[in-house]
Protein backbone atom coordinates (compact mmCIF):
# COMPACT_ATOMS: atom_id res chain seq x y z
CA MET A 1 102.51 93.39 170.71
CA ASP A 2 102.80 91.26 167.88
CA GLN A 3 101.21 91.84 164.67
CA ILE A 4 98.26 89.46 163.99
CA TYR A 5 98.13 87.95 160.53
CA ARG A 6 94.83 86.43 159.39
CA LEU A 7 95.18 83.79 157.22
CA LEU A 8 92.62 81.10 155.27
CA VAL A 9 94.19 77.89 154.72
CA ILE A 10 92.71 75.42 151.65
CA ASN A 11 93.56 71.94 151.12
CA PRO A 12 91.15 70.03 148.87
CA GLY A 13 91.80 66.64 148.70
CA SER A 14 89.59 63.78 146.39
CA THR A 15 86.09 63.97 147.98
CA SER A 16 86.64 66.54 150.78
CA THR A 17 88.15 70.51 151.09
CA LYS A 18 89.52 70.88 154.12
CA ILE A 19 89.87 74.86 155.55
CA ALA A 20 90.90 76.93 158.37
CA ILE A 21 91.08 80.34 159.91
CA PHE A 22 94.23 81.57 161.52
CA ASP A 23 95.41 84.00 163.57
CA ASN A 24 98.72 83.53 163.78
CA GLU A 25 99.26 80.10 164.86
CA LYS A 26 95.98 80.08 166.50
CA PRO A 27 93.07 78.22 164.56
CA ILE A 28 89.96 79.90 164.90
CA PHE A 29 87.88 77.87 162.77
CA GLU A 30 88.31 74.89 161.06
CA GLU A 31 86.04 72.49 158.97
CA THR A 32 86.05 69.77 156.31
CA LEU A 33 83.81 70.05 153.92
CA ARG A 34 82.43 66.54 152.57
CA HIS A 35 81.79 66.62 148.66
CA ASP A 36 79.35 63.37 147.51
CA ALA A 37 80.83 61.61 144.46
CA SER A 38 77.31 62.13 142.56
CA GLU A 39 78.35 66.02 143.05
CA LEU A 40 81.99 65.56 141.66
CA ASN A 41 81.25 63.18 139.12
CA LYS A 42 79.20 66.16 137.34
CA PHE A 43 82.85 67.46 136.09
CA LYS A 44 84.88 65.72 133.56
CA ARG A 45 88.29 67.05 134.82
CA ILE A 46 89.31 68.33 138.09
CA ILE A 47 89.86 71.57 137.05
CA ASP A 48 86.23 71.60 136.50
CA GLN A 49 85.27 71.67 140.17
CA PHE A 50 86.97 74.80 141.02
CA LYS A 51 84.00 77.17 140.93
CA PHE A 52 81.84 74.56 142.87
CA ARG A 53 84.68 74.01 145.24
CA LYS A 54 85.38 77.91 145.86
CA ASP A 55 81.83 78.41 146.25
CA ILE A 56 81.52 76.09 148.99
CA ILE A 57 84.52 77.63 150.98
CA LEU A 58 83.12 81.24 150.40
CA GLU A 59 79.49 80.30 151.69
CA THR A 60 80.75 78.11 154.45
CA LEU A 61 82.79 81.35 155.50
CA ASN A 62 79.95 83.72 155.29
CA LYS A 63 77.38 81.33 157.18
CA GLN A 64 80.03 81.57 159.97
CA GLY A 65 80.08 85.38 160.26
CA ILE A 66 83.94 85.04 158.94
CA ASN A 67 84.76 88.57 157.31
CA ILE A 68 87.44 87.77 154.49
CA THR A 69 88.07 91.24 154.23
CA LYS A 70 89.93 90.91 157.28
CA LEU A 71 92.45 88.40 155.79
CA SER A 72 95.99 88.99 155.53
CA ALA A 73 96.85 86.11 153.05
CA VAL A 74 95.41 82.64 151.68
CA VAL A 75 97.35 79.89 151.86
CA GLY A 76 96.62 76.86 149.16
CA ARG A 77 98.02 73.36 149.08
CA GLY A 78 100.37 72.92 146.22
CA GLY A 79 99.71 70.48 143.37
CA LEU A 80 101.63 68.35 140.88
CA LEU A 81 104.04 71.47 139.53
CA ARG A 82 107.35 71.10 137.99
CA PRO A 83 110.22 70.08 140.39
CA ILE A 84 111.10 72.92 142.80
CA SER A 85 113.24 73.67 146.27
CA GLY A 86 111.03 73.49 149.38
CA GLY A 87 109.89 76.85 150.74
CA THR A 88 106.74 78.98 150.80
CA TYR A 89 105.87 80.03 147.07
CA ARG A 90 104.01 83.32 145.65
CA ILE A 91 101.19 81.77 143.40
CA ASP A 92 101.79 83.46 140.14
CA GLN A 93 100.66 82.96 136.31
CA ASP A 94 103.40 80.77 135.37
CA MET A 95 102.11 77.89 138.33
CA LEU A 96 98.36 78.76 137.58
CA ASN A 97 98.79 77.97 133.84
CA ASP A 98 100.56 74.25 134.82
CA LEU A 99 97.80 73.48 137.21
CA ARG A 100 94.99 74.60 135.12
CA GLU A 101 96.57 72.37 132.01
CA ALA A 102 97.18 69.71 134.76
CA LYS A 103 100.93 69.60 132.77
CA PHE A 104 102.14 66.99 135.31
CA GLY A 105 99.41 65.45 136.27
CA GLU A 106 95.47 65.53 137.86
CA HIS A 107 95.44 65.65 141.30
CA ALA A 108 92.47 67.57 143.66
CA SER A 109 95.41 69.24 145.12
CA ASN A 110 96.08 71.28 142.15
CA LEU A 111 93.20 73.18 143.16
CA GLY A 112 94.53 74.67 146.17
CA ALA A 113 96.51 77.54 144.37
CA ILE A 114 94.21 78.05 141.78
CA ILE A 115 91.11 78.66 144.22
CA ALA A 116 93.63 80.51 146.99
CA HIS A 117 94.74 82.93 144.16
CA GLU A 118 91.02 83.52 142.86
CA ILE A 119 90.03 84.49 146.63
CA ALA A 120 92.75 86.27 147.27
CA SER A 121 93.06 88.55 143.95
CA GLN A 122 89.39 89.76 144.90
CA LEU A 123 90.69 91.08 148.31
CA ASN A 124 94.24 92.35 146.93
CA ILE A 125 95.95 90.24 149.14
CA PRO A 126 98.94 87.81 148.58
CA ALA A 127 98.27 83.81 147.91
CA TYR A 128 100.94 81.27 148.56
CA ILE A 129 101.43 77.39 148.79
CA VAL A 130 103.85 75.85 150.66
CA ASP A 131 106.12 72.75 149.88
CA PRO A 132 104.18 70.73 147.48
CA VAL A 133 104.72 67.13 147.07
CA VAL A 134 107.08 67.70 144.12
CA VAL A 135 109.76 69.46 146.25
CA ASP A 136 113.00 68.38 145.14
CA GLU A 137 116.20 68.56 146.85
CA MET A 138 117.70 65.70 145.92
CA ASP A 139 121.86 65.29 145.70
CA SER A 140 122.48 64.47 142.22
CA LYS A 141 124.23 61.18 142.69
CA ALA A 142 121.10 59.93 145.05
CA ARG A 143 118.95 60.32 141.46
CA VAL A 144 121.36 57.59 139.58
CA THR A 145 120.61 54.23 138.86
CA GLY A 146 121.89 51.28 137.16
CA LEU A 147 119.91 52.12 134.24
CA PRO A 148 120.54 55.72 132.55
CA GLU A 149 117.30 55.95 131.02
CA ILE A 150 115.66 55.78 134.50
CA LYS A 151 116.28 58.28 137.10
CA ARG A 152 115.13 58.31 140.97
CA ARG A 153 112.27 60.97 141.37
CA SER A 154 111.57 62.89 144.38
CA ILE A 155 108.03 63.06 145.40
CA PHE A 156 107.11 62.61 149.01
CA HIS A 157 105.12 64.18 152.07
CA ALA A 158 107.27 67.18 151.82
CA LEU A 159 104.93 69.45 153.66
CA ASN A 160 104.32 67.23 156.58
CA GLN A 161 108.11 66.01 156.99
CA LYS A 162 109.43 69.49 156.81
CA ALA A 163 107.19 71.13 158.97
CA VAL A 164 107.34 68.36 161.67
CA ALA A 165 111.18 68.74 161.55
CA ARG A 166 110.92 72.24 161.99
CA ARG A 167 109.09 71.88 165.21
CA ILE A 168 111.30 69.03 166.52
CA ALA A 169 114.32 71.34 165.91
CA MET A 170 112.85 73.96 167.57
CA ASP A 171 112.05 71.62 170.78
CA MET A 172 115.64 70.74 170.44
CA LYS A 173 116.79 74.61 170.33
CA LEU A 174 118.43 74.24 166.74
CA ARG A 175 117.42 75.84 163.66
CA TYR A 176 115.92 73.49 161.13
CA GLU A 177 118.75 74.99 158.64
CA GLU A 178 121.51 73.75 160.84
CA ALA A 179 120.14 70.31 161.85
CA ASN A 180 120.46 66.74 160.28
CA PHE A 181 116.87 64.38 160.75
CA ILE A 182 115.65 61.29 159.19
CA VAL A 183 111.89 62.24 159.26
CA CYS A 184 109.57 59.17 158.36
CA HIS A 185 105.97 59.95 157.30
CA MET A 186 103.56 56.99 157.60
CA GLY A 187 100.33 57.32 156.11
CA GLY A 188 98.85 55.53 153.31
CA GLY A 189 102.16 55.93 151.91
CA ILE A 190 105.75 55.78 153.57
CA THR A 191 108.58 58.29 152.66
CA VAL A 192 111.85 58.52 154.44
CA GLY A 193 113.72 61.55 153.92
CA ALA A 194 117.38 62.28 154.83
CA HIS A 195 116.98 65.95 155.85
CA HIS A 196 120.32 67.90 155.84
CA LYS A 197 120.94 71.35 156.92
CA GLY A 198 117.26 72.20 155.60
CA LYS A 199 117.26 70.08 152.27
CA VAL A 200 116.00 66.70 151.85
CA ILE A 201 119.16 65.16 150.15
CA ASP A 202 117.63 62.03 149.83
CA VAL A 203 114.07 60.41 150.01
CA ASN A 204 112.39 57.48 148.60
CA ASN A 205 109.53 57.78 146.01
CA GLY A 206 106.55 57.11 147.96
CA LEU A 207 104.29 57.05 144.91
CA ASP A 208 105.53 54.99 142.33
CA GLY A 209 106.19 52.03 144.81
CA GLU A 210 109.69 52.57 146.10
CA GLY A 211 110.51 51.94 149.56
CA PRO A 212 108.89 50.15 152.47
CA PHE A 213 105.31 48.51 151.90
CA SER A 214 102.78 50.60 153.37
CA PRO A 215 99.00 50.62 153.94
CA GLU A 216 97.94 51.04 150.49
CA ARG A 217 101.80 50.18 148.42
CA SER A 218 103.85 47.71 147.68
CA GLY A 219 106.99 49.61 148.29
CA SER A 220 110.28 47.95 146.24
CA LEU A 221 109.57 44.92 144.89
CA PRO A 222 111.72 42.12 142.90
CA VAL A 223 112.53 43.64 139.85
CA GLY A 224 112.81 40.29 138.16
CA ASP A 225 109.33 39.08 139.50
CA LEU A 226 107.86 42.30 138.87
CA ILE A 227 108.59 41.96 135.15
CA SER A 228 107.24 38.40 134.80
CA LEU A 229 104.17 39.48 136.61
CA CYS A 230 103.88 42.40 133.56
CA PHE A 231 104.73 39.62 130.67
CA LEU A 232 101.77 37.04 132.40
CA GLY A 233 99.56 38.48 130.03
CA GLU A 234 96.76 38.59 132.89
CA LEU A 235 96.75 41.96 134.13
CA SER A 236 96.74 45.13 132.04
CA GLU A 237 99.29 47.84 132.73
CA GLU A 238 96.62 49.78 134.67
CA GLN A 239 95.72 46.66 137.05
CA ILE A 240 99.39 46.26 137.64
CA ARG A 241 99.73 50.01 138.56
CA ARG A 242 96.84 49.43 140.95
CA LYS A 243 98.75 46.62 142.20
CA ILE A 244 101.71 49.00 143.44
CA VAL A 245 99.54 52.16 144.51
CA GLY A 246 96.11 51.30 146.23
CA LYS A 247 95.87 47.75 146.44
CA GLY A 248 99.41 46.86 147.73
CA GLY A 249 100.67 46.75 151.19
CA LEU A 250 98.21 45.87 154.00
CA VAL A 251 95.58 45.98 151.55
CA ALA A 252 96.92 42.73 149.32
CA HIS A 253 98.03 40.96 152.31
CA LEU A 254 95.08 41.84 155.03
CA GLY A 255 92.33 43.51 152.82
CA THR A 256 92.54 46.40 154.55
CA ASN A 257 94.13 49.93 154.45
CA SER A 258 93.27 50.56 158.27
CA ALA A 259 95.86 50.09 160.84
CA VAL A 260 93.10 50.18 163.51
CA GLU A 261 91.46 47.10 162.04
CA VAL A 262 94.57 45.46 161.61
CA GLU A 263 95.68 45.97 165.23
CA LYS A 264 91.98 44.50 166.15
CA MET A 265 92.80 41.38 164.21
CA ILE A 266 96.35 41.00 165.99
CA GLU A 267 94.09 41.64 169.29
CA ASN A 268 91.67 38.81 167.72
CA GLY A 269 94.87 36.50 167.86
CA ASN A 270 95.11 36.66 163.87
CA GLN A 271 98.79 35.49 163.62
CA LYS A 272 99.15 36.46 160.20
CA ALA A 273 98.19 40.32 160.38
CA ALA A 274 100.48 40.12 163.60
CA PHE A 275 103.26 38.86 161.31
CA ILE A 276 102.74 41.41 158.03
CA TYR A 277 102.07 44.45 160.49
CA ASP A 278 105.76 43.30 161.92
CA ALA A 279 107.17 42.88 158.47
CA MET A 280 106.13 46.54 157.52
CA ALA A 281 107.66 47.71 160.54
CA TYR A 282 111.01 45.88 159.97
CA GLN A 283 111.01 47.19 156.53
CA ILE A 284 110.58 50.69 157.64
CA ALA A 285 113.18 50.58 160.28
CA LYS A 286 115.41 49.01 157.09
CA GLU A 287 114.58 52.51 155.02
CA ILE A 288 115.79 54.39 158.40
CA GLY A 289 118.81 52.65 158.64
CA LYS A 290 119.44 53.09 154.78
CA PHE A 291 118.91 56.87 155.48
CA SER A 292 121.09 57.08 158.33
CA VAL A 293 124.12 56.25 155.60
CA VAL A 294 123.34 59.28 153.76
CA LEU A 295 124.01 61.34 156.47
CA LYS A 296 127.03 59.85 157.64
CA GLY A 297 125.58 58.70 160.88
CA LYS A 298 125.69 62.48 162.09
CA ILE A 299 121.68 62.60 163.18
CA ASN A 300 120.24 64.78 165.58
CA ALA A 301 117.17 62.72 165.73
CA ILE A 302 114.79 60.32 163.81
CA ILE A 303 111.34 61.58 163.58
CA LEU A 304 108.21 59.33 163.15
CA THR A 305 105.36 61.19 162.01
CA GLY A 306 101.85 60.50 160.11
CA GLY A 307 98.73 58.62 160.66
CA LEU A 308 100.38 55.29 161.81
CA ALA A 309 102.90 57.01 164.46
CA TYR A 310 99.54 57.07 166.58
CA GLY A 311 100.03 53.22 167.05
CA LYS A 312 102.35 53.08 170.35
CA GLU A 313 102.95 49.59 169.81
CA PHE A 314 103.62 49.91 165.73
CA VAL A 315 106.08 52.67 166.68
CA GLN A 316 107.61 50.65 169.58
CA LYS A 317 108.32 47.85 166.76
CA ILE A 318 110.26 50.59 164.86
CA ILE A 319 112.15 51.87 167.65
CA GLN A 320 113.89 48.95 168.73
CA TYR A 321 115.45 48.41 165.46
CA VAL A 322 116.71 52.06 165.28
CA ASP A 323 117.10 53.88 168.72
CA TRP A 324 120.91 52.98 168.70
CA ILE A 325 121.16 55.43 165.73
CA ALA A 326 119.87 58.50 166.93
CA PRO A 327 117.19 59.85 169.46
CA VAL A 328 113.30 59.04 168.26
CA LYS A 329 110.87 61.79 168.42
CA VAL A 330 107.37 60.91 167.25
CA HIS A 331 105.09 63.41 166.61
CA PRO A 332 101.76 61.62 165.01
CA GLY A 333 99.22 62.79 162.35
CA GLU A 334 99.96 65.13 159.39
CA ASN A 335 98.57 68.78 160.62
CA GLU A 336 98.61 69.74 157.25
CA LEU A 337 96.57 73.05 158.07
CA TYR A 338 98.71 74.00 160.52
CA ALA A 339 101.95 73.47 158.13
CA LEU A 340 100.35 75.30 155.40
CA ALA A 341 99.56 78.33 157.71
CA GLU A 342 103.00 78.23 159.37
CA GLY A 343 104.72 78.70 155.83
CA GLY A 344 102.75 81.63 154.90
CA LEU A 345 103.27 83.26 158.47
CA ARG A 346 107.38 82.84 158.08
CA VAL A 347 107.12 85.10 154.76
CA LEU A 348 104.42 87.37 156.37
CA ARG A 349 106.61 88.08 159.39
CA GLY A 350 109.68 88.19 157.28
CA GLU A 351 111.37 84.78 158.61
CA GLU A 352 112.16 84.00 155.07
CA LYS A 353 111.53 85.03 151.66
CA GLU A 354 108.76 84.06 149.16
CA LYS A 355 110.02 82.08 146.38
CA HIS A 356 109.02 82.37 142.90
CA TYR A 357 107.94 79.32 140.72
CA VAL A 358 109.73 79.46 137.39
CA ARG A 359 112.82 80.82 138.89
CA GLU A 360 113.35 77.74 141.51
CA VAL A 361 112.43 74.92 138.95
CA VAL A 362 114.98 71.95 139.55
CA THR A 363 116.80 70.98 136.09
CA ILE A 364 117.23 67.44 136.20
CA GLU A 365 119.92 65.72 133.59
């Protein structure tokens, strides 16, 4: 009989904390703990929310009758860290220091490792993070731009992209480390990654506006026109950044970041909504085509994932452009809690070695 590992998985978001208990791959408890803005506004910095969120997690587990002394490990969502290669990382002091200082940016996900470590250390069990957004496995030539002072950066939906690629590889009876995939995560932001034998050798930076426009982001823009917009003097730097991340894409064109609302608009005969939605699918397909060149056309599958992949008609719009490149596999949703649990299990079972933060930092020259 296989050994059963019990994992607590923690995924903090801006206004909620998702938690789950897994026995191996089987979830036995899952809940989204929602936090009122009035509660969070009491805290000056995100790190100050640490005890508040940790206490709610422990109280919830206690109410559910879950004995945390039976846990084998705690796995937290990775936050904004130094660029590192993909994998499952043992949470250590160097990592905690960078997260507590918000050395590479403030984000709720920074709390994942800190809370996981605190709970695990009280129980004398390991704590891990898995594939944070800063995973950087880009080929050196993929970083180069036409200006030496500007380099392309790897910031993407690494956790879901790698987890889904592993699942599809298994379905196809392949090892992820031997396969080539183009993985397209389609959510509030959209990232497309070229996965070559277990490494994401090129990917668009979906945070800063690179790639296709998305429900909330502008995507790549004509540089000259963006410069002109910046120097009109009508908008501050912060307002420009908000137009690119948060108020771009579908929000800018249609006033909503909800694909469901856009599809209702289209059903009601809104031709502008239909046109913009088609244009977004077209841009995603173009990005997939671009990364097919990175993999020199040797692609086992194109994978469409994320929330937008639930839209069957939208997915078909993309498929009609790209199915000649490789078979298209659709895996809707993000499934981040499962992805975190799977990463922890791979290490506990000895299927891969745990990694250590400072040793795996990527040097970008």
